[in-house]
């Protein structure tokens, strides 16, 4: 890792590091790797979660007891819960990639295939500050989805067959007999979208320019939300998609909106108010990991020269 070029700086060793582990995430990936045992061997306090525990309360209690670095091994939704407490107390947050897709870990520049090596964030870490997204006072590390995808993540089948569920929901929502979600947004050009099928708001924008690395963000410290709106068929809009960046964004809704917040199904009361908090969260990763997202590596090389 080249810290000078990526913003990472050497971190001091925590005195009372804490790692919380969701043994069910990633189809039991942490359990298969004996993550808790390997962490304890390195002097890291571990809590393996059991069903029904209040994760937020558990982390707050740990901070009151003296924890000074907070790590989470689990899915992106549980990461956001622990990151919220870390942000509130200005403590370093450590992501251990024990989930299924580990989107946040990838965009943070963590080697997602090096689960045990990621514990180096506690013992041989580098630190920087990144942005977080906010919606109605709740933080998100990746994105908030409304409409089609927001409806899909509420279905029980979503976690086992995401693509199938998403396609089934698309067929129901976008068919001529199904009403579009009752959302209203104004895009970056000032145009109104009164029947959007999908609204996606991300903590920093995803890469769209060629050659994009699909589903990745070049940076997490750009100070802007990424916003994508897809209109429903029959809306008459051309083009049917709009994408722009902004520090704040509002969505009007006729009723509480079904949403996916970092992949977790929630309801958000209108008015939905989005904002970015620049350089709000201290994050640490292992000094041996890349420290930059795949699309960020491409962006740093600059545009390709024609042959």
C-alpha atoms as a PDB file:
ATOM      1  CA  UNK A   1       0.000   0.000   0.000  1.00  0.00           C
ATOM      2  CA  UNK A   2       1.211   3.485  -0.862  1.00  0.00           C
ATOM      3  CA  UNK A   3      -0.159   5.472   2.079  1.00  0.00           C
ATOM      4  CA  UNK A   4       0.937   8.829   0.694  1.00  0.00           C
ATOM      5  CA  UNK A   5      -1.181   8.388  -2.414  1.00  0.00           C
ATOM      6  CA  UNK A   6      -4.256   6.856  -0.776  1.00  0.00           C
ATOM      7  CA  UNK A   7      -4.565   8.916   2.412  1.00  0.00           C
ATOM      8  CA  UNK A   8      -3.853   6.052   4.811  1.00  0.00           C
ATOM      9  CA  UNK A   9      -1.618   6.757   7.793  1.00  0.00           C
ATOM     10  CA  UNK A  10      -0.084   4.399  10.412  1.00  0.00           C
ATOM     11  CA  UNK A  11      -2.418   3.845  13.366  1.00  0.00           C
ATOM     12  CA  UNK A  12      -1.596   3.512  17.035  1.00  0.00           C
ATOM     13  CA  UNK A  13      -2.335   0.188  18.701  1.00  0.00           C
ATOM     14  CA  UNK A  14      -5.680   0.122  20.546  1.00  0.00           C
ATOM     15  CA  UNK A  15      -5.573  -0.766  24.224  1.00  0.00           C
ATOM     16  CA  UNK A  16      -8.938  -2.549  24.349  1.00  0.00           C
ATOM     17  CA  UNK A  17      -9.949  -3.632  20.850  1.00  0.00           C
ATOM     18  CA  UNK A  18     -13.299  -5.329  20.347  1.00  0.00           C
ATOM     19  CA  UNK A  19     -14.489  -7.527  17.503  1.00  0.00           C
ATOM     20  CA  UNK A  20     -18.128  -8.551  17.169  1.00  0.00           C
ATOM     21  CA  UNK A  21     -18.831 -11.587  15.017  1.00  0.00           C
ATOM     22  CA  UNK A  22     -22.093 -12.655  13.415  1.00  0.00           C
ATOM     23  CA  UNK A  23     -21.543 -16.400  12.939  1.00  0.00           C
ATOM     24  CA  UNK A  24     -24.491 -16.640  10.525  1.00  0.00           C
ATOM     25  CA  UNK A  25     -23.170 -14.106   8.016  1.00  0.00           C
ATOM     26  CA  UNK A  26     -21.616 -15.346   4.813  1.00  0.00           C
ATOM     27  CA  UNK A  27     -23.054 -18.815   5.367  1.00  0.00           C
ATOM     28  CA  UNK A  28     -20.913 -19.243   8.481  1.00  0.00           C
ATOM     29  CA  UNK A  29     -17.659 -18.011   6.975  1.00  0.00           C
ATOM     30  CA  UNK A  30     -16.292 -16.680  10.275  1.00  0.00           C
ATOM     31  CA  UNK A  31     -17.009 -19.953  12.068  1.00  0.00           C
ATOM     32  CA  UNK A  32     -15.341 -22.060   9.379  1.00  0.00           C
ATOM     33  CA  UNK A  33     -12.232 -19.884   9.598  1.00  0.00           C
ATOM     34  CA  UNK A  34     -12.171 -19.997  13.437  1.00  0.00           C
ATOM     35  CA  UNK A  35     -12.113 -16.199  13.327  1.00  0.00           C
ATOM     36  CA  UNK A  36     -12.867 -15.706  17.034  1.00  0.00           C
ATOM     37  CA  UNK A  37     -10.029 -18.017  18.070  1.00  0.00           C
ATOM     38  CA  UNK A  38      -7.545 -16.318  15.729  1.00  0.00           C
ATOM     39  CA  UNK A  39      -8.594 -12.888  16.989  1.00  0.00           C
ATOM     40  CA  UNK A  40      -8.238 -13.822  20.655  1.00  0.00           C
ATOM     41  CA  UNK A  41      -4.753 -15.168  19.936  1.00  0.00           C
ATOM     42  CA  UNK A  42      -3.877 -11.616  18.852  1.00  0.00           C
ATOM     43  CA  UNK A  43      -5.251 -10.035  22.024  1.00  0.00           C
ATOM     44  CA  UNK A  44      -8.557  -8.895  20.528  1.00  0.00           C
ATOM     45  CA  UNK A  45     -11.668  -9.202  22.691  1.00  0.00           C
ATOM     46  CA  UNK A  46     -14.403 -11.060  20.786  1.00  0.00           C
ATOM     47  CA  UNK A  47     -18.148 -11.325  21.134  1.00  0.00           C
ATOM     48  CA  UNK A  48     -19.866 -13.953  19.025  1.00  0.00           C
ATOM     49  CA  UNK A  49     -23.452 -12.830  18.568  1.00  0.00           C
ATOM     50  CA  UNK A  50     -26.423 -15.027  19.347  1.00  0.00           C
ATOM     51  CA  UNK A  51     -29.972 -14.649  17.983  1.00  0.00           C
ATOM     52  CA  UNK A  52     -31.986 -11.919  19.652  1.00  0.00           C
ATOM     53  CA  UNK A  53     -29.095  -9.818  20.934  1.00  0.00           C
ATOM     54  CA  UNK A  54     -29.356  -6.055  20.547  1.00  0.00           C
ATOM     55  CA  UNK A  55     -26.181  -5.279  18.610  1.00  0.00           C
ATOM     56  CA  UNK A  56     -26.344  -1.506  19.092  1.00  0.00           C
ATOM     57  CA  UNK A  57     -26.858  -1.799  22.858  1.00  0.00           C
ATOM     58  CA  UNK A  58     -24.080  -4.349  23.145  1.00  0.00           C
ATOM     59  CA  UNK A  59     -21.600  -2.053  21.358  1.00  0.00           C
ATOM     60  CA  UNK A  60     -22.603   0.977  23.429  1.00  0.00           C
ATOM     61  CA  UNK A  61     -22.067  -1.026  26.619  1.00  0.00           C
ATOM     62  CA  UNK A  62     -18.635  -2.107  25.388  1.00  0.00           C
ATOM     63  CA  UNK A  63     -17.626   1.508  24.759  1.00  0.00           C
ATOM     64  CA  UNK A  64     -18.730   2.475  28.265  1.00  0.00           C
ATOM     65  CA  UNK A  65     -16.542  -0.375  29.535  1.00  0.00           C
ATOM     66  CA  UNK A  66     -13.507   1.043  27.723  1.00  0.00           C
ATOM     67  CA  UNK A  67     -13.418  -0.441  24.208  1.00  0.00           C
ATOM     68  CA  UNK A  68     -11.328   1.919  22.051  1.00  0.00           C
ATOM     69  CA  UNK A  69     -11.492   0.242  18.618  1.00  0.00           C
ATOM     70  CA  UNK A  70     -14.658  -1.360  17.243  1.00  0.00           C
ATOM     71  CA  UNK A  71     -14.665  -4.123  14.648  1.00  0.00           C
ATOM     72  CA  UNK A  72     -17.520  -6.003  13.014  1.00  0.00           C
ATOM     73  CA  UNK A  73     -17.411  -9.284  11.125  1.00  0.00           C
ATOM     74  CA  UNK A  74     -20.761  -9.602   9.398  1.00  0.00           C
ATOM     75  CA  UNK A  75     -22.995  -8.276   6.674  1.00  0.00           C
ATOM     76  CA  UNK A  76     -23.148  -4.674   5.534  1.00  0.00           C
ATOM     77  CA  UNK A  77     -26.242  -3.939   7.636  1.00  0.00           C
ATOM     78  CA  UNK A  78     -24.536  -4.949  10.887  1.00  0.00           C
ATOM     79  CA  UNK A  79     -21.438  -2.987   9.879  1.00  0.00           C
ATOM     80  CA  UNK A  80     -23.522   0.187   9.787  1.00  0.00           C
ATOM     81  CA  UNK A  81     -24.834  -0.450  13.312  1.00  0.00           C
ATOM     82  CA  UNK A  82     -21.326  -0.691  14.769  1.00  0.00           C
ATOM     83  CA  UNK A  83     -20.052   2.190  12.620  1.00  0.00           C
ATOM     84  CA  UNK A  84     -22.809   4.400  14.044  1.00  0.00           C
ATOM     85  CA  UNK A  85     -21.475   3.881  17.570  1.00  0.00           C
ATOM     86  CA  UNK A  86     -17.872   4.346  16.438  1.00  0.00           C
ATOM     87  CA  UNK A  87     -18.806   7.626  14.763  1.00  0.00           C
ATOM     88  CA  UNK A  88     -20.678   8.882  17.836  1.00  0.00           C
ATOM     89  CA  UNK A  89     -17.615   8.312  20.039  1.00  0.00           C
ATOM     90  CA  UNK A  90     -14.925   9.182  17.447  1.00  0.00           C
ATOM     91  CA  UNK A  91     -13.465   5.673  17.658  1.00  0.00           C
ATOM     92  CA  UNK A  92     -11.799   3.752  14.827  1.00  0.00           C
ATOM     93  CA  UNK A  93     -14.047   1.308  12.979  1.00  0.00           C
ATOM     94  CA  UNK A  94     -12.747  -1.948  11.512  1.00  0.00           C
ATOM     95  CA  UNK A  95     -14.547  -3.996   8.868  1.00  0.00           C
ATOM     96  CA  UNK A  96     -13.762  -7.717   8.806  1.00  0.00           C
ATOM     97  CA  UNK A  97     -15.120  -9.229   5.557  1.00  0.00           C
ATOM     98  CA  UNK A  98     -17.175 -12.130   6.900  1.00  0.00           C
ATOM     99  CA  UNK A  99     -20.377 -11.367   4.976  1.00  0.00           C
ATOM    100  CA  UNK A 100     -21.605 -12.735   1.663  1.00  0.00           C
ATOM    101  CA  UNK A 101     -20.590  -9.984  -0.766  1.00  0.00           C
ATOM    102  CA  UNK A 102     -18.699  -7.574   1.490  1.00  0.00           C
ATOM    103  CA  UNK A 103     -19.432  -4.520  -0.653  1.00  0.00           C
ATOM    104  CA  UNK A 104     -18.155  -2.038   1.893  1.00  0.00           C
ATOM    105  CA  UNK A 105     -14.949  -4.006   2.469  1.00  0.00           C
ATOM    106  CA  UNK A 106     -14.253  -4.044  -1.262  1.00  0.00           C
ATOM    107  CA  UNK A 107     -14.741  -0.289  -1.644  1.00  0.00           C
ATOM    108  CA  UNK A 108     -12.602   0.350   1.435  1.00  0.00           C
ATOM    109  CA  UNK A 109      -9.738  -1.505  -0.223  1.00  0.00           C
ATOM    110  CA  UNK A 110      -9.776  -4.620   1.958  1.00  0.00           C
ATOM    111  CA  UNK A 111      -8.715  -7.943   0.447  1.00  0.00           C
ATOM    112  CA  UNK A 112     -12.035  -9.746   0.827  1.00  0.00           C
ATOM    113  CA  UNK A 113     -10.373 -13.149   0.419  1.00  0.00           C
ATOM    114  CA  UNK A 114      -8.017 -12.572   3.354  1.00  0.00           C
ATOM    115  CA  UNK A 115     -10.415 -12.908   6.274  1.00  0.00           C
ATOM    116  CA  UNK A 116      -7.836 -13.726   8.942  1.00  0.00           C
ATOM    117  CA  UNK A 117      -5.347 -11.226   7.531  1.00  0.00           C
ATOM    118  CA  UNK A 118      -7.921  -8.460   7.908  1.00  0.00           C
ATOM    119  CA  UNK A 119      -7.403  -8.733  11.681  1.00  0.00           C
ATOM    120  CA  UNK A 120      -4.170  -6.869  11.034  1.00  0.00           C
ATOM    121  CA  UNK A 121      -6.268  -3.710  11.166  1.00  0.00           C
ATOM    122  CA  UNK A 122      -6.135  -4.108  14.964  1.00  0.00           C
ATOM    123  CA  UNK A 123      -2.423  -4.952  15.265  1.00  0.00           C
ATOM    124  CA  UNK A 124      -0.751  -3.463  12.167  1.00  0.00           C
ATOM    125  CA  UNK A 125      -3.342  -1.021  10.922  1.00  0.00           C
ATOM    126  CA  UNK A 126      -3.518   2.119   8.860  1.00  0.00           C
ATOM    127  CA  UNK A 127      -6.245   4.710   9.311  1.00  0.00           C
ATOM    128  CA  UNK A 128      -8.066   7.357   7.332  1.00  0.00           C
ATOM    129  CA  UNK A 129     -11.410   9.194   7.466  1.00  0.00           C
ATOM    130  CA  UNK A 130     -14.254   8.512   5.055  1.00  0.00           C
ATOM    131  CA  UNK A 131     -17.694   9.941   4.373  1.00  0.00           C
ATOM    132  CA  UNK A 132     -20.950   8.409   5.542  1.00  0.00           C
ATOM    133  CA  UNK A 133     -24.407   8.838   4.076  1.00  0.00           C
ATOM    134  CA  UNK A 134     -27.389   9.882   6.184  1.00  0.00           C
ATOM    135  CA  UNK A 135     -31.103   9.341   5.628  1.00  0.00           C
ATOM    136  CA  UNK A 136     -33.547  10.695   8.197  1.00  0.00           C
ATOM    137  CA  UNK A 137     -30.790  10.645  10.821  1.00  0.00           C
ATOM    138  CA  UNK A 138     -29.692   7.062  10.078  1.00  0.00           C
ATOM    139  CA  UNK A 139     -26.261   6.389   8.621  1.00  0.00           C
ATOM    140  CA  UNK A 140     -25.503   4.168   5.643  1.00  0.00           C
ATOM    141  CA  UNK A 141     -22.117   3.016   4.412  1.00  0.00           C
ATOM    142  CA  UNK A 142     -23.135   1.774   0.964  1.00  0.00           C
ATOM    143  CA  UNK A 143     -26.539   2.810  -0.328  1.00  0.00           C
ATOM    144  CA  UNK A 144     -30.257   3.236   0.158  1.00  0.00           C
ATOM    145  CA  UNK A 145     -32.597   1.792  -2.450  1.00  0.00           C
ATOM    146  CA  UNK A 146     -36.236   2.766  -2.961  1.00  0.00           C
ATOM    147  CA  UNK A 147     -38.933   1.479  -5.257  1.00  0.00           C
ATOM    148  CA  UNK A 148     -38.289  -1.778  -7.061  1.00  0.00           C
ATOM    149  CA  UNK A 149     -35.192  -2.836  -5.122  1.00  0.00           C
ATOM    150  CA  UNK A 150     -36.508  -1.435  -1.848  1.00  0.00           C
ATOM    151  CA  UNK A 151     -39.566  -3.662  -2.262  1.00  0.00           C
ATOM    152  CA  UNK A 152     -37.442  -6.670  -3.206  1.00  0.00           C
ATOM    153  CA  UNK A 153     -35.311  -6.680  -0.043  1.00  0.00           C
ATOM    154  CA  UNK A 154     -38.456  -6.917   2.104  1.00  0.00           C
ATOM    155  CA  UNK A 155     -39.352 -10.335   0.691  1.00  0.00           C
ATOM    156  CA  UNK A 156     -38.275 -13.421   2.701  1.00  0.00           C
ATOM    157  CA  UNK A 157     -36.776 -15.057  -0.398  1.00  0.00           C
ATOM    158  CA  UNK A 158     -34.412 -12.139  -1.013  1.00  0.00           C
ATOM    159  CA  UNK A 159     -31.454 -13.402   1.005  1.00  0.00           C
ATOM    160  CA  UNK A 160     -31.558 -16.869  -0.537  1.00  0.00           C
ATOM    161  CA  UNK A 161     -32.304 -15.973  -4.149  1.00  0.00           C
ATOM    162  CA  UNK A 162     -31.713 -12.258  -4.647  1.00  0.00           C
ATOM    163  CA  UNK A 163     -31.704 -12.227  -8.422  1.00  0.00           C
ATOM    164  CA  UNK A 164     -34.842 -14.339  -8.743  1.00  0.00           C
ATOM    165  CA  UNK A 165     -36.706 -12.188  -6.213  1.00  0.00           C
ATOM    166  CA  UNK A 166     -35.580  -8.962  -7.855  1.00  0.00           C
ATOM    167  CA  UNK A 167     -36.740 -10.131 -11.280  1.00  0.00           C
ATOM    168  CA  UNK A 168     -40.068 -11.295  -9.859  1.00  0.00           C
ATOM    169  CA  UNK A 169     -40.577  -7.955  -8.156  1.00  0.00           C
ATOM    170  CA  UNK A 170     -39.623  -6.134 -11.361  1.00  0.00           C
ATOM    171  CA  UNK A 171     -42.279  -8.080 -13.248  1.00  0.00           C
ATOM    172  CA  UNK A 172     -44.917  -7.098 -10.678  1.00  0.00           C
ATOM    173  CA  UNK A 173     -43.903  -3.465 -10.249  1.00  0.00           C
ATOM    174  CA  UNK A 174     -43.168  -2.656 -13.894  1.00  0.00           C
ATOM    175  CA  UNK A 175     -46.076  -4.470 -15.527  1.00  0.00           C
ATOM    176  CA  UNK A 176     -48.760  -2.326 -17.102  1.00  0.00           C
ATOM    177  CA  UNK A 177     -51.254  -3.290 -14.398  1.00  0.00           C
ATOM    178  CA  UNK A 178     -49.037  -2.441 -11.422  1.00  0.00           C
ATOM    179  CA  UNK A 179     -48.768   1.131 -10.124  1.00  0.00           C
ATOM    180  CA  UNK A 180     -45.351   2.720  -9.824  1.00  0.00           C
ATOM    181  CA  UNK A 181     -44.094   3.394  -6.280  1.00  0.00           C
ATOM    182  CA  UNK A 182     -45.548   6.611  -4.883  1.00  0.00           C
ATOM    183  CA  UNK A 183     -42.321   8.612  -4.886  1.00  0.00           C
ATOM    184  CA  UNK A 184     -41.442  12.016  -6.285  1.00  0.00           C
ATOM    185  CA  UNK A 185     -37.955  13.375  -6.881  1.00  0.00           C
ATOM    186  CA  UNK A 186     -36.340  16.278  -8.689  1.00  0.00           C
ATOM    187  CA  UNK A 187     -33.103  15.409 -10.460  1.00  0.00           C
ATOM    188  CA  UNK A 188     -29.895  17.344 -10.898  1.00  0.00           C
ATOM    189  CA  UNK A 189     -31.254  19.147 -13.983  1.00  0.00           C
ATOM    190  CA  UNK A 190     -34.341  20.304 -12.106  1.00  0.00           C
ATOM    191  CA  UNK A 191     -36.628  17.802 -13.876  1.00  0.00           C
ATOM    192  CA  UNK A 192     -39.367  16.134 -11.846  1.00  0.00           C
ATOM    193  CA  UNK A 193     -39.766  12.348 -11.696  1.00  0.00           C
ATOM    194  CA  UNK A 194     -43.230  11.505 -10.418  1.00  0.00           C
ATOM    195  CA  UNK A 195     -43.198   7.769 -11.189  1.00  0.00           C
ATOM    196  CA  UNK A 196     -39.697   6.442 -10.545  1.00  0.00           C
ATOM    197  CA  UNK A 197     -39.376   2.664 -10.479  1.00  0.00           C
ATOM    198  CA  UNK A 198     -35.997   2.776  -8.731  1.00  0.00           C
ATOM    199  CA  UNK A 199     -34.184   5.407  -6.692  1.00  0.00           C
ATOM    200  CA  UNK A 200     -30.668   4.530  -5.556  1.00  0.00           C
ATOM    201  CA  UNK A 201     -28.733   6.887  -3.267  1.00  0.00           C
ATOM    202  CA  UNK A 202     -25.154   5.923  -2.428  1.00  0.00           C
ATOM    203  CA  UNK A 203     -22.460   7.109  -0.067  1.00  0.00           C
ATOM    204  CA  UNK A 204     -20.293   8.539  -2.891  1.00  0.00           C
ATOM    205  CA  UNK A 205     -21.170   7.684  -6.500  1.00  0.00           C
ATOM    206  CA  UNK A 206     -20.638   4.373  -8.238  1.00  0.00           C
ATOM    207  CA  UNK A 207     -18.394   4.174 -11.284  1.00  0.00           C
ATOM    208  CA  UNK A 208     -20.205   4.533 -14.615  1.00  0.00           C
ATOM    209  CA  UNK A 209     -17.514   5.884 -16.914  1.00  0.00           C
ATOM    210  CA  UNK A 210     -15.612   3.283 -18.939  1.00  0.00           C
ATOM    211  CA  UNK A 211     -13.939   1.109 -18.057  1.00  0.00           C
ATOM    212  CA  UNK A 212     -16.232   0.723 -15.023  1.00  0.00           C
ATOM    213  CA  UNK A 213     -15.861  -1.975 -12.401  1.00  0.00           C
ATOM    214  CA  UNK A 214     -19.534  -2.769 -11.951  1.00  0.00           C
ATOM    215  CA  UNK A 215     -20.943  -2.029  -8.522  1.00  0.00           C
ATOM    216  CA  UNK A 216     -17.886  -0.265  -7.082  1.00  0.00           C
ATOM    217  CA  UNK A 217     -17.167   3.287  -5.952  1.00  0.00           C
ATOM    218  CA  UNK A 218     -13.829   4.847  -6.921  1.00  0.00           C
ATOM    219  CA  UNK A 219     -13.618   6.696  -3.597  1.00  0.00           C
ATOM    220  CA  UNK A 220     -15.363   7.100  -0.253  1.00  0.00           C
ATOM    221  CA  UNK A 221     -14.181  10.615   0.525  1.00  0.00           C
ATOM    222  CA  UNK A 222     -15.572  12.691  -2.340  1.00  0.00           C
ATOM    223  CA  UNK A 223     -18.110  14.527  -0.177  1.00  0.00           C
ATOM    224  CA  UNK A 224     -21.129  13.788  -2.383  1.00  0.00           C
ATOM    225  CA  UNK A 225     -24.000  11.359  -2.660  1.00  0.00           C
ATOM    226  CA  UNK A 226     -24.415   9.382  -5.851  1.00  0.00           C
ATOM    227  CA  UNK A 227     -28.031   9.412  -7.063  1.00  0.00           C
ATOM    228  CA  UNK A 228     -29.604   7.260  -9.769  1.00  0.00           C
ATOM    229  CA  UNK A 229     -33.266   7.423 -10.810  1.00  0.00           C
ATOM    230  CA  UNK A 230     -34.879   4.948 -13.209  1.00  0.00           C
ATOM    231  CA  UNK A 231     -38.343   5.815 -14.473  1.00  0.00           C
ATOM    232  CA  UNK A 232     -41.104   3.279 -14.945  1.00  0.00           C
ATOM    233  CA  UNK A 233     -42.060   2.175 -18.455  1.00  0.00           C
ATOM    234  CA  UNK A 234     -44.788   4.378 -19.876  1.00  0.00           C
ATOM    235  CA  UNK A 235     -43.569   7.481 -18.085  1.00  0.00           C
ATOM    236  CA  UNK A 236     -42.722   9.065 -21.417  1.00  0.00           C
ATOM    237  CA  UNK A 237     -39.300  10.192 -20.234  1.00  0.00           C
ATOM    238  CA  UNK A 238     -36.362  10.006 -22.598  1.00  0.00           C
ATOM    239  CA  UNK A 239     -33.858   9.070 -21.369  1.00  0.00           C
ATOM    240  CA  UNK A 240     -35.524   6.929 -18.737  1.00  0.00           C
ATOM    241  CA  UNK A 241     -32.530   7.140 -16.382  1.00  0.00           C
ATOM    242  CA  UNK A 242     -30.861  10.055 -14.648  1.00  0.00           C
ATOM    243  CA  UNK A 243     -27.675  10.037 -12.558  1.00  0.00           C
ATOM    244  CA  UNK A 244     -26.013  12.914 -10.715  1.00  0.00           C
ATOM    245  CA  UNK A 245     -24.073  13.783  -7.566  1.00  0.00           C
ATOM    246  CA  UNK A 246     -25.099  16.138  -4.772  1.00  0.00           C
ATOM    247  CA  UNK A 247     -24.347  16.753  -1.073  1.00  0.00           C
ATOM    248  CA  UNK A 248     -28.069  16.595  -0.170  1.00  0.00           C
ATOM    249  CA  UNK A 249     -31.176  15.078  -1.733  1.00  0.00           C
ATOM    250  CA  UNK A 250     -34.875  14.834  -0.826  1.00  0.00           C
ATOM    251  CA  UNK A 251     -37.488  12.249  -1.807  1.00  0.00           C
ATOM    252  CA  UNK A 252     -41.172  12.960  -1.329  1.00  0.00           C
ATOM    253  CA  UNK A 253     -43.397   9.996  -0.582  1.00  0.00           C
ATOM    254  CA  UNK A 254     -47.138   9.610  -0.081  1.00  0.00           C
ATOM    255  CA  UNK A 255     -46.609   7.149   2.767  1.00  0.00           C
ATOM    256  CA  UNK A 256     -43.763   5.429   4.623  1.00  0.00           C
ATOM    257  CA  UNK A 257     -41.418   4.146   1.928  1.00  0.00           C
ATOM    258  CA  UNK A 258     -40.112   0.592   1.733  1.00  0.00           C
ATOM    259  CA  UNK A 259     -36.338   0.822   1.500  1.00  0.00           C
ATOM    260  CA  UNK A 260     -33.197  -1.248   1.531  1.00  0.00           C
ATOM    261  CA  UNK A 261     -30.600   0.469   3.736  1.00  0.00           C
ATOM    262  CA  UNK A 262     -27.263  -1.281   3.230  1.00  0.00           C
ATOM    263  CA  UNK A 263     -29.329  -4.312   2.234  1.00  0.00           C
ATOM    264  CA  UNK A 264     -31.539  -4.261   5.339  1.00  0.00           C
ATOM    265  CA  UNK A 265     -35.305  -3.846   4.877  1.00  0.00           C
ATOM    266  CA  UNK A 266     -36.644  -0.761   6.662  1.00  0.00           C
ATOM    267  CA  UNK A 267     -39.479   1.751   6.370  1.00  0.00           C
ATOM    268  CA  UNK A 268     -38.594   5.435   6.074  1.00  0.00           C
ATOM    269  CA  UNK A 269     -41.108   8.122   6.963  1.00  0.00           C
ATOM    270  CA  UNK A 270     -41.570  10.990   4.511  1.00  0.00           C
ATOM    271  CA  UNK A 271     -40.010  13.429   3.852  1.00  0.00           C
ATOM    272  CA  UNK A 272     -36.884  11.351   3.105  1.00  0.00           C
ATOM    273  CA  UNK A 273     -33.874  13.601   3.597  1.00  0.00           C
ATOM    274  CA  UNK A 274     -30.464  12.412   2.429  1.00  0.00           C
ATOM    275  CA  UNK A 275     -27.130  14.063   3.188  1.00  0.00           C
ATOM    276  CA  UNK A 276     -23.435  13.280   3.164  1.00  0.00           C
ATOM    277  CA  UNK A 277     -21.196  13.725   6.208  1.00  0.00           C
ATOM    278  CA  UNK A 278     -17.686  14.267   4.845  1.00  0.00           C
ATOM    279  CA  UNK A 279     -14.717  12.689   6.614  1.00  0.00           C
ATOM    280  CA  UNK A 280     -16.947  11.645   9.514  1.00  0.00           C
ATOM    281  CA  UNK A 281     -15.839   8.060  10.193  1.00  0.00           C
ATOM    282  CA  UNK A 282     -12.392   6.837  11.219  1.00  0.00           C
ATOM    283  CA  UNK A 283     -11.678   3.515   9.502  1.00  0.00           C
ATOM    284  CA  UNK A 284      -8.750   1.144   9.808  1.00  0.00           C
ATOM    285  CA  UNK A 285      -7.588  -1.679   7.583  1.00  0.00           C
ATOM    286  CA  UNK A 286      -4.595  -4.015   7.533  1.00  0.00           C
ATOM    287  CA  UNK A 287      -1.512  -2.241   6.175  1.00  0.00           C
ATOM    288  CA  UNK A 288      -0.916  -5.177   3.812  1.00  0.00           C
ATOM    289  CA  UNK A 289      -4.255  -4.764   2.025  1.00  0.00           C
ATOM    290  CA  UNK A 290      -4.649  -2.643  -1.145  1.00  0.00           C
ATOM    291  CA  UNK A 291      -6.394   0.343   0.469  1.00  0.00           C
ATOM    292  CA  UNK A 292      -8.173   1.321  -2.738  1.00  0.00           C
ATOM    293  CA  UNK A 293     -11.284   0.045  -4.506  1.00  0.00           C
ATOM    294  CA  UNK A 294     -10.986  -1.731  -7.909  1.00  0.00           C
ATOM    295  CA  UNK A 295     -12.542   1.218  -9.763  1.00  0.00           C
ATOM    296  CA  UNK A 296     -10.314   3.563  -7.773  1.00  0.00           C
ATOM    297  CA  UNK A 297      -7.238   1.768  -9.089  1.00  0.00           C
ATOM    298  CA  UNK A 298      -8.453   2.302 -12.645  1.00  0.00           C
ATOM    299  CA  UNK A 299      -9.285   5.941 -12.017  1.00  0.00           C
ATOM    300  CA  UNK A 300      -5.808   6.601 -10.621  1.00  0.00           C
ATOM    301  CA  UNK A 301      -4.280   5.436 -13.885  1.00  0.00           C
ATOM    302  CA  UNK A 302      -6.133   8.124 -15.815  1.00  0.00           C
ATOM    303  CA  UNK A 303      -7.903   7.716 -19.169  1.00  0.00           C
ATOM    304  CA  UNK A 304      -6.655   5.178 -21.663  1.00  0.00           C
ATOM    305  CA  UNK A 305      -4.710   6.544 -24.572  1.00  0.00           C
ATOM    306  CA  UNK A 306      -5.975   5.538 -28.016  1.00  0.00           C
ATOM    307  CA  UNK A 307      -3.669   3.288 -29.961  1.00  0.00           C
END
